[in-house]
Amino acid sequence: MIIFISNWFFILFLLCIFQINLISTTHLPNYQFTRTNNNDLYTCLSTLLPLSVRTIYPCSTIANQNSFQYECVHFNITNLSAIHGGRISRSPAVIVYVTDSSDVQNVLVCATNLNYVVNALSGGHSYEGYGLGSTYNNIIINMEGINYININQHDRTGTFGAGARLGPIYYEAYQSDNYTINAGVCPWVGLAGHALGGGHGLLSRRHGLLSDNVLEMKAVNAQGRYILIIMAYVSKK
């Protein structure tokens, strides 16, 4: 009898250990598009950015009046992230598809003057959707146009744009004397978020994270200044 009671208690104890709260996936949030008046933002961006820079607004600004380019059908949040099924329900004020650092600087000038939150979107593979920000009515800087890949075979370094994807980088590096980088396995992950978040992959056990091998970064600060960040680097042999 004592053995029976002991075994029963042990079973209950195991049930307590393995009882895990489950998150419901049946209730999905509805997408809510920003209805805030962002005409001041449209005026600022259209003044500072060249016409070649594409900007997409929701259906609440003067940008889409009498212009099919800015209809709501082009402002599809589900297509901006690798996350589908309703997990991302935030709606930005504008998405700016920059092509160089000066575009980023001009966007930051407008954001600072008008008190907007800015988020950079590189590959859109953040599981939490950080590329779409944490609030409604923010500015998304889409970096996919800054995707250059330059491999220097002499000093065994590479220079990449923030919007470059891992797949093309792997290909170009391998074509240059069989080089590679110690990053992840998904070819469409954007470099910027991957490197800033560490960058874990198949070579990490031997060569560390991708962020461990970054020599320097060029960035734009909150005031719109273009700065160079020198990283600490330890050579691995």
C-alpha atoms as a PDB file:
ATOM      1  CA  MET A   1       0.000   0.000   0.000  1.00  0.00           C
ATOM      2  CA  ILE A   2       2.806   2.367   0.777  1.00  0.00           C
ATOM      3  CA  ILE A   3       4.445   1.640  -2.550  1.00  0.00           C
ATOM      4  CA  PHE A   4       1.201   2.350  -4.379  1.00  0.00           C
ATOM      5  CA  ILE A   5       0.771   5.701  -2.681  1.00  0.00           C
ATOM      6  CA  SER A   6       4.374   6.625  -3.382  1.00  0.00           C
ATOM      7  CA  ASN A   7       4.065   5.788  -7.066  1.00  0.00           C
ATOM      8  CA  TRP A   8       0.823   7.750  -7.366  1.00  0.00           C
ATOM      9  CA  PHE A   9       2.438  10.768  -5.740  1.00  0.00           C
ATOM     10  CA  PHE A  10       5.365  10.493  -8.151  1.00  0.00           C
ATOM     11  CA  ILE A  11       3.008  10.459 -11.129  1.00  0.00           C
ATOM     12  CA  LEU A  12       1.213  13.564  -9.891  1.00  0.00           C
ATOM     13  CA  PHE A  13       4.548  15.244  -9.358  1.00  0.00           C
ATOM     14  CA  LEU A  14       5.532  14.558 -12.961  1.00  0.00           C
ATOM     15  CA  LEU A  15       2.225  15.920 -14.181  1.00  0.00           C
ATOM     16  CA  CYS A  16       2.889  19.133 -12.301  1.00  0.00           C
ATOM     17  CA  ILE A  17       6.320  19.443 -13.866  1.00  0.00           C
ATOM     18  CA  PHE A  18       5.128  18.975 -17.412  1.00  0.00           C
ATOM     19  CA  GLN A  19       1.994  21.059 -17.166  1.00  0.00           C
ATOM     20  CA  ILE A  20       2.669  23.972 -19.546  1.00  0.00           C
ATOM     21  CA  ASN A  21       0.507  26.932 -20.380  1.00  0.00           C
ATOM     22  CA  LEU A  22      -0.608  26.842 -24.002  1.00  0.00           C
ATOM     23  CA  ILE A  23      -1.103  29.904 -26.165  1.00  0.00           C
ATOM     24  CA  SER A  24      -4.240  29.941 -28.234  1.00  0.00           C
ATOM     25  CA  THR A  25      -3.779  30.329 -31.990  1.00  0.00           C
ATOM     26  CA  THR A  26      -7.460  30.296 -32.895  1.00  0.00           C
ATOM     27  CA  HIS A  27      -8.097  33.930 -32.045  1.00  0.00           C
ATOM     28  CA  LEU A  28      -6.151  36.169 -34.395  1.00  0.00           C
ATOM     29  CA  PRO A  29      -6.027  39.955 -34.025  1.00  0.00           C
ATOM     30  CA  ASN A  30      -7.724  42.040 -36.667  1.00  0.00           C
ATOM     31  CA  TYR A  31      -5.515  44.329 -38.725  1.00  0.00           C
ATOM     32  CA  GLN A  32      -6.095  47.959 -37.842  1.00  0.00           C
ATOM     33  CA  PHE A  33      -4.842  50.561 -40.256  1.00  0.00           C
ATOM     34  CA  THR A  34      -3.629  53.907 -39.000  1.00  0.00           C
ATOM     35  CA  ARG A  35      -6.161  56.716 -39.378  1.00  0.00           C
ATOM     36  CA  THR A  36      -4.017  59.408 -37.799  1.00  0.00           C
ATOM     37  CA  ASN A  37      -3.486  62.520 -39.907  1.00  0.00           C
ATOM     38  CA  ASN A  38       0.076  62.164 -41.219  1.00  0.00           C
ATOM     39  CA  ASN A  39      -0.011  64.982 -43.755  1.00  0.00           C
ATOM     40  CA  ASP A  40       2.864  66.764 -42.012  1.00  0.00           C
ATOM     41  CA  LEU A  41       4.993  63.676 -42.419  1.00  0.00           C
ATOM     42  CA  TYR A  42       4.066  63.364 -46.087  1.00  0.00           C
ATOM     43  CA  THR A  43       5.001  67.005 -46.673  1.00  0.00           C
ATOM     44  CA  CYS A  44       8.379  66.624 -44.972  1.00  0.00           C
ATOM     45  CA  LEU A  45       9.359  63.395 -46.727  1.00  0.00           C
ATOM     46  CA  SER A  46       8.239  64.566 -50.152  1.00  0.00           C
ATOM     47  CA  THR A  47      10.346  67.708 -49.679  1.00  0.00           C
ATOM     48  CA  LEU A  48      13.574  65.994 -48.569  1.00  0.00           C
ATOM     49  CA  LEU A  49      13.489  62.707 -50.477  1.00  0.00           C
ATOM     50  CA  PRO A  50      14.093  62.401 -54.231  1.00  0.00           C
ATOM     51  CA  LEU A  51      11.183  61.267 -56.393  1.00  0.00           C
ATOM     52  CA  SER A  52      12.941  57.952 -57.014  1.00  0.00           C
ATOM     53  CA  VAL A  53      12.432  56.906 -53.391  1.00  0.00           C
ATOM     54  CA  ARG A  54       9.199  54.949 -53.063  1.00  0.00           C
ATOM     55  CA  THR A  55       6.964  55.753 -50.087  1.00  0.00           C
ATOM     56  CA  ILE A  56       3.793  53.835 -49.233  1.00  0.00           C
ATOM     57  CA  TYR A  57       1.145  55.384 -46.989  1.00  0.00           C
ATOM     58  CA  PRO A  58      -2.094  54.027 -45.498  1.00  0.00           C
ATOM     59  CA  CYS A  59      -5.445  55.413 -46.613  1.00  0.00           C
ATOM     60  CA  SER A  60      -5.495  58.509 -44.443  1.00  0.00           C
ATOM     61  CA  THR A  61      -3.122  61.040 -46.007  1.00  0.00           C
ATOM     62  CA  ILE A  62      -3.134  63.446 -48.910  1.00  0.00           C
ATOM     63  CA  ALA A  63      -0.533  61.187 -50.542  1.00  0.00           C
ATOM     64  CA  ASN A  64      -3.178  58.768 -51.809  1.00  0.00           C
ATOM     65  CA  GLN A  65      -5.783  61.258 -52.921  1.00  0.00           C
ATOM     66  CA  ASN A  66      -6.340  60.951 -56.689  1.00  0.00           C
ATOM     67  CA  SER A  67      -3.440  58.523 -56.976  1.00  0.00           C
ATOM     68  CA  PHE A  68      -3.822  54.760 -57.375  1.00  0.00           C
ATOM     69  CA  GLN A  69      -0.220  54.316 -56.218  1.00  0.00           C
ATOM     70  CA  TYR A  70      -1.228  54.836 -52.604  1.00  0.00           C
ATOM     71  CA  GLU A  71      -4.441  52.824 -52.431  1.00  0.00           C
ATOM     72  CA  CYS A  72      -4.876  50.527 -49.449  1.00  0.00           C
ATOM     73  CA  VAL A  73      -4.352  47.407 -51.523  1.00  0.00           C
ATOM     74  CA  HIS A  74      -0.671  48.347 -51.754  1.00  0.00           C
ATOM     75  CA  PHE A  75      -0.378  48.742 -47.991  1.00  0.00           C
ATOM     76  CA  ASN A  76      -0.530  45.091 -47.001  1.00  0.00           C
ATOM     77  CA  ILE A  77       1.054  44.452 -43.605  1.00  0.00           C
ATOM     78  CA  THR A  78       1.039  40.681 -44.065  1.00  0.00           C
ATOM     79  CA  ASN A  79       3.434  40.995 -47.002  1.00  0.00           C
ATOM     80  CA  LEU A  80       5.975  43.036 -45.034  1.00  0.00           C
ATOM     81  CA  SER A  81       7.046  40.298 -42.647  1.00  0.00           C
ATOM     82  CA  ALA A  82       7.917  36.622 -42.737  1.00  0.00           C
ATOM     83  CA  ILE A  83       5.227  36.206 -40.064  1.00  0.00           C
ATOM     84  CA  HIS A  84       1.793  35.299 -41.397  1.00  0.00           C
ATOM     85  CA  GLY A  85      -1.475  34.346 -39.767  1.00  0.00           C
ATOM     86  CA  GLY A  86      -2.291  37.511 -37.867  1.00  0.00           C
ATOM     87  CA  ARG A  87       0.541  37.811 -35.353  1.00  0.00           C
ATOM     88  CA  ILE A  88       1.528  41.254 -36.639  1.00  0.00           C
ATOM     89  CA  SER A  89      -1.347  43.716 -36.406  1.00  0.00           C
ATOM     90  CA  ARG A  90       0.449  47.037 -36.092  1.00  0.00           C
ATOM     91  CA  SER A  91       0.126  49.601 -38.845  1.00  0.00           C
ATOM     92  CA  PRO A  92       2.900  52.112 -39.637  1.00  0.00           C
ATOM     93  CA  ALA A  93       2.340  55.669 -40.785  1.00  0.00           C
ATOM     94  CA  VAL A  94       4.576  55.175 -43.819  1.00  0.00           C
ATOM     95  CA  ILE A  95       7.031  52.721 -45.337  1.00  0.00           C
ATOM     96  CA  VAL A  96      10.043  54.313 -47.028  1.00  0.00           C
ATOM     97  CA  TYR A  97      12.085  52.222 -49.464  1.00  0.00           C
ATOM     98  CA  VAL A  98      15.486  53.917 -49.149  1.00  0.00           C
ATOM     99  CA  THR A  99      18.303  53.404 -51.645  1.00  0.00           C
ATOM    100  CA  ASP A 100      21.302  54.967 -49.868  1.00  0.00           C
ATOM    101  CA  SER A 101      22.443  56.481 -46.580  1.00  0.00           C
ATOM    102  CA  SER A 102      21.352  60.002 -47.497  1.00  0.00           C
ATOM    103  CA  ASP A 103      17.757  58.769 -47.793  1.00  0.00           C
ATOM    104  CA  VAL A 104      18.014  57.322 -44.299  1.00  0.00           C
ATOM    105  CA  GLN A 105      19.382  60.619 -42.981  1.00  0.00           C
ATOM    106  CA  ASN A 106      16.494  62.576 -44.493  1.00  0.00           C
ATOM    107  CA  VAL A 107      13.935  60.204 -43.021  1.00  0.00           C
ATOM    108  CA  LEU A 108      15.534  60.610 -39.592  1.00  0.00           C
ATOM    109  CA  VAL A 109      15.372  64.403 -39.929  1.00  0.00           C
ATOM    110  CA  CYS A 110      11.612  64.249 -40.522  1.00  0.00           C
ATOM    111  CA  ALA A 111      11.138  61.721 -37.746  1.00  0.00           C
ATOM    112  CA  THR A 112      13.046  63.836 -35.225  1.00  0.00           C
ATOM    113  CA  ASN A 113      11.313  67.083 -36.155  1.00  0.00           C
ATOM    114  CA  LEU A 114       7.840  65.525 -36.086  1.00  0.00           C
ATOM    115  CA  ASN A 115       8.414  63.127 -33.172  1.00  0.00           C
ATOM    116  CA  TYR A 116       7.894  59.821 -34.996  1.00  0.00           C
ATOM    117  CA  VAL A 117       9.282  56.438 -33.941  1.00  0.00           C
ATOM    118  CA  VAL A 118      11.519  54.831 -36.598  1.00  0.00           C
ATOM    119  CA  ASN A 119      12.150  51.143 -37.238  1.00  0.00           C
ATOM    120  CA  ALA A 120      14.472  49.565 -39.803  1.00  0.00           C
ATOM    121  CA  LEU A 121      13.279  46.582 -41.841  1.00  0.00           C
ATOM    122  CA  SER A 122      16.018  44.466 -43.401  1.00  0.00           C
ATOM    123  CA  GLY A 123      14.750  40.964 -44.145  1.00  0.00           C
ATOM    124  CA  GLY A 124      11.522  40.903 -42.155  1.00  0.00           C
ATOM    125  CA  HIS A 125      12.283  37.578 -40.468  1.00  0.00           C
ATOM    126  CA  SER A 126      11.932  38.768 -36.890  1.00  0.00           C
ATOM    127  CA  TYR A 127       9.582  36.358 -35.132  1.00  0.00           C
ATOM    128  CA  GLU A 128       8.262  39.242 -33.046  1.00  0.00           C
ATOM    129  CA  GLY A 129       7.925  41.551 -36.037  1.00  0.00           C
ATOM    130  CA  TYR A 130      10.404  44.142 -34.770  1.00  0.00           C
ATOM    131  CA  GLY A 131      10.853  45.420 -38.314  1.00  0.00           C
ATOM    132  CA  LEU A 132       7.277  46.726 -38.093  1.00  0.00           C
ATOM    133  CA  GLY A 133       7.889  48.400 -34.749  1.00  0.00           C
ATOM    134  CA  SER A 134       6.155  48.152 -31.401  1.00  0.00           C
ATOM    135  CA  THR A 135       3.611  50.954 -31.862  1.00  0.00           C
ATOM    136  CA  TYR A 136       1.101  52.176 -34.388  1.00  0.00           C
ATOM    137  CA  ASN A 137       1.849  55.141 -36.620  1.00  0.00           C
ATOM    138  CA  ASN A 138       5.617  54.741 -36.803  1.00  0.00           C
ATOM    139  CA  ILE A 139       8.019  55.086 -39.739  1.00  0.00           C
ATOM    140  CA  ILE A 140       9.369  51.932 -41.368  1.00  0.00           C
ATOM    141  CA  ILE A 141      12.650  52.267 -43.272  1.00  0.00           C
ATOM    142  CA  ASN A 142      12.804  49.361 -45.702  1.00  0.00           C
ATOM    143  CA  MET A 143      16.482  48.587 -46.385  1.00  0.00           C
ATOM    144  CA  GLU A 144      16.062  46.072 -49.223  1.00  0.00           C
ATOM    145  CA  GLY A 145      17.390  48.571 -51.780  1.00  0.00           C
ATOM    146  CA  ILE A 146      20.743  48.874 -49.961  1.00  0.00           C
ATOM    147  CA  ASN A 147      21.933  45.387 -50.841  1.00  0.00           C
ATOM    148  CA  TYR A 148      25.435  45.737 -52.313  1.00  0.00           C
ATOM    149  CA  ILE A 149      27.936  42.901 -51.823  1.00  0.00           C
ATOM    150  CA  ASN A 150      31.664  43.642 -52.187  1.00  0.00           C
ATOM    151  CA  ILE A 151      34.237  40.896 -51.519  1.00  0.00           C
ATOM    152  CA  ASN A 152      37.896  41.860 -51.046  1.00  0.00           C
ATOM    153  CA  GLN A 153      40.017  38.766 -51.730  1.00  0.00           C
ATOM    154  CA  HIS A 154      43.264  40.481 -50.704  1.00  0.00           C
ATOM    155  CA  ASP A 155      42.413  41.167 -47.060  1.00  0.00           C
ATOM    156  CA  ARG A 156      39.630  38.542 -46.832  1.00  0.00           C
ATOM    157  CA  THR A 157      36.921  40.999 -45.850  1.00  0.00           C
ATOM    158  CA  GLY A 158      33.498  41.761 -47.235  1.00  0.00           C
ATOM    159  CA  THR A 159      31.423  44.937 -47.282  1.00  0.00           C
ATOM    160  CA  PHE A 160      27.664  44.515 -47.426  1.00  0.00           C
ATOM    161  CA  GLY A 161      24.603  46.705 -47.493  1.00  0.00           C
ATOM    162  CA  ALA A 162      22.142  46.461 -44.630  1.00  0.00           C
ATOM    163  CA  GLY A 163      19.481  45.018 -46.916  1.00  0.00           C
ATOM    164  CA  ALA A 164      21.640  42.247 -48.398  1.00  0.00           C
ATOM    165  CA  ARG A 165      20.274  38.730 -47.853  1.00  0.00           C
ATOM    166  CA  LEU A 166      22.322  35.785 -46.603  1.00  0.00           C
ATOM    167  CA  GLY A 167      21.771  33.648 -49.708  1.00  0.00           C
ATOM    168  CA  PRO A 168      23.302  36.092 -52.208  1.00  0.00           C
ATOM    169  CA  ILE A 169      26.117  36.831 -49.742  1.00  0.00           C
ATOM    170  CA  TYR A 170      26.956  33.125 -49.445  1.00  0.00           C
ATOM    171  CA  TYR A 171      26.961  32.783 -53.221  1.00  0.00           C
ATOM    172  CA  GLU A 172      29.152  35.808 -53.923  1.00  0.00           C
ATOM    173  CA  ALA A 173      31.584  34.944 -51.122  1.00  0.00           C
ATOM    174  CA  TYR A 174      31.937  31.359 -52.335  1.00  0.00           C
ATOM    175  CA  GLN A 175      32.582  32.547 -55.879  1.00  0.00           C
ATOM    176  CA  SER A 176      35.459  34.626 -54.464  1.00  0.00           C
ATOM    177  CA  ASP A 177      37.967  31.903 -53.593  1.00  0.00           C
ATOM    178  CA  ASN A 178      35.537  29.733 -51.574  1.00  0.00           C
ATOM    179  CA  TYR A 179      34.907  32.220 -48.766  1.00  0.00           C
ATOM    180  CA  THR A 180      31.859  32.280 -46.521  1.00  0.00           C
ATOM    181  CA  ILE A 181      30.520  34.002 -43.406  1.00  0.00           C
ATOM    182  CA  ASN A 182      29.422  32.388 -40.152  1.00  0.00           C
ATOM    183  CA  ALA A 183      25.737  33.269 -40.340  1.00  0.00           C
ATOM    184  CA  GLY A 184      22.397  31.465 -40.384  1.00  0.00           C
ATOM    185  CA  VAL A 185      20.897  28.884 -42.726  1.00  0.00           C
ATOM    186  CA  CYS A 186      17.886  30.746 -44.124  1.00  0.00           C
ATOM    187  CA  PRO A 187      18.931  32.410 -47.422  1.00  0.00           C
ATOM    188  CA  TRP A 188      16.407  35.279 -47.232  1.00  0.00           C
ATOM    189  CA  VAL A 189      17.326  36.582 -43.796  1.00  0.00           C
ATOM    190  CA  GLY A 190      18.486  40.212 -43.958  1.00  0.00           C
ATOM    191  CA  LEU A 191      22.070  40.864 -42.905  1.00  0.00           C
ATOM    192  CA  ALA A 192      21.507  43.902 -40.675  1.00  0.00           C
ATOM    193  CA  GLY A 193      19.168  42.387 -38.115  1.00  0.00           C
ATOM    194  CA  HIS A 194      20.997  39.069 -38.240  1.00  0.00           C
ATOM    195  CA  ALA A 195      24.379  40.621 -37.443  1.00  0.00           C
ATOM    196  CA  LEU A 196      23.051  42.982 -34.783  1.00  0.00           C
ATOM    197  CA  GLY A 197      21.219  40.114 -33.099  1.00  0.00           C
ATOM    198  CA  GLY A 198      24.286  37.886 -33.017  1.00  0.00           C
ATOM    199  CA  GLY A 199      23.772  35.720 -36.092  1.00  0.00           C
ATOM    200  CA  HIS A 200      23.805  32.039 -35.087  1.00  0.00           C
ATOM    201  CA  GLY A 201      24.429  29.304 -37.635  1.00  0.00           C
ATOM    202  CA  LEU A 202      26.186  26.037 -38.470  1.00  0.00           C
ATOM    203  CA  LEU A 203      29.672  27.554 -38.125  1.00  0.00           C
ATOM    204  CA  SER A 204      29.000  29.254 -34.794  1.00  0.00           C
ATOM    205  CA  ARG A 205      30.570  26.517 -32.655  1.00  0.00           C
ATOM    206  CA  ARG A 206      33.935  27.033 -34.332  1.00  0.00           C
ATOM    207  CA  HIS A 207      33.856  30.685 -35.420  1.00  0.00           C
ATOM    208  CA  GLY A 208      31.415  32.282 -32.991  1.00  0.00           C
ATOM    209  CA  LEU A 209      28.532  34.525 -33.963  1.00  0.00           C
ATOM    210  CA  LEU A 210      28.381  36.684 -37.052  1.00  0.00           C
ATOM    211  CA  SER A 211      28.565  39.745 -34.788  1.00  0.00           C
ATOM    212  CA  ASP A 212      31.927  38.485 -33.495  1.00  0.00           C
ATOM    213  CA  ASN A 213      33.448  39.030 -36.943  1.00  0.00           C
ATOM    214  CA  VAL A 214      32.109  42.498 -37.716  1.00  0.00           C
ATOM    215  CA  LEU A 215      34.998  44.942 -38.163  1.00  0.00           C
ATOM    216  CA  GLU A 216      33.033  48.172 -38.521  1.00  0.00           C
ATOM    217  CA  MET A 217      29.555  49.505 -39.203  1.00  0.00           C
ATOM    218  CA  LYS A 218      28.328  52.707 -40.778  1.00  0.00           C
ATOM    219  CA  ALA A 219      25.117  53.979 -39.273  1.00  0.00           C
ATOM    220  CA  VAL A 220      22.827  56.982 -38.992  1.00  0.00           C
ATOM    221  CA  ASN A 221      22.103  58.169 -35.472  1.00  0.00           C
ATOM    222  CA  ALA A 222      18.877  59.657 -34.137  1.00  0.00           C
ATOM    223  CA  GLN A 223      19.957  63.157 -35.168  1.00  0.00           C
ATOM    224  CA  GLY A 224      20.487  62.060 -38.787  1.00  0.00           C
ATOM    225  CA  ARG A 225      24.294  62.098 -38.591  1.00  0.00           C
ATOM    226  CA  TYR A 226      26.277  59.551 -40.596  1.00  0.00           C
ATOM    227  CA  ILE A 227      28.758  57.861 -38.230  1.00  0.00           C
ATOM    228  CA  LEU A 228      31.349  55.076 -38.336  1.00  0.00           C
ATOM    229  CA  ILE A 229      31.398  52.483 -35.556  1.00  0.00           C
ATOM    230  CA  ILE A 230      34.643  50.553 -35.089  1.00  0.00           C
ATOM    231  CA  MET A 231      34.105  47.115 -33.581  1.00  0.00           C
ATOM    232  CA  ALA A 232      36.510  45.207 -31.342  1.00  0.00           C
ATOM    233  CA  TYR A 233      37.924  42.262 -33.278  1.00  0.00           C
ATOM    234  CA  VAL A 234      39.930  39.249 -32.267  1.00  0.00           C
ATOM    235  CA  SER A 235      41.475  37.206 -35.059  1.00  0.00           C
ATOM    236  CA  LYS A 236      40.584  33.512 -35.031  1.00  0.00           C
ATOM    237  CA  LYS A 237      43.075  30.983 -36.414  1.00  0.00           C
END
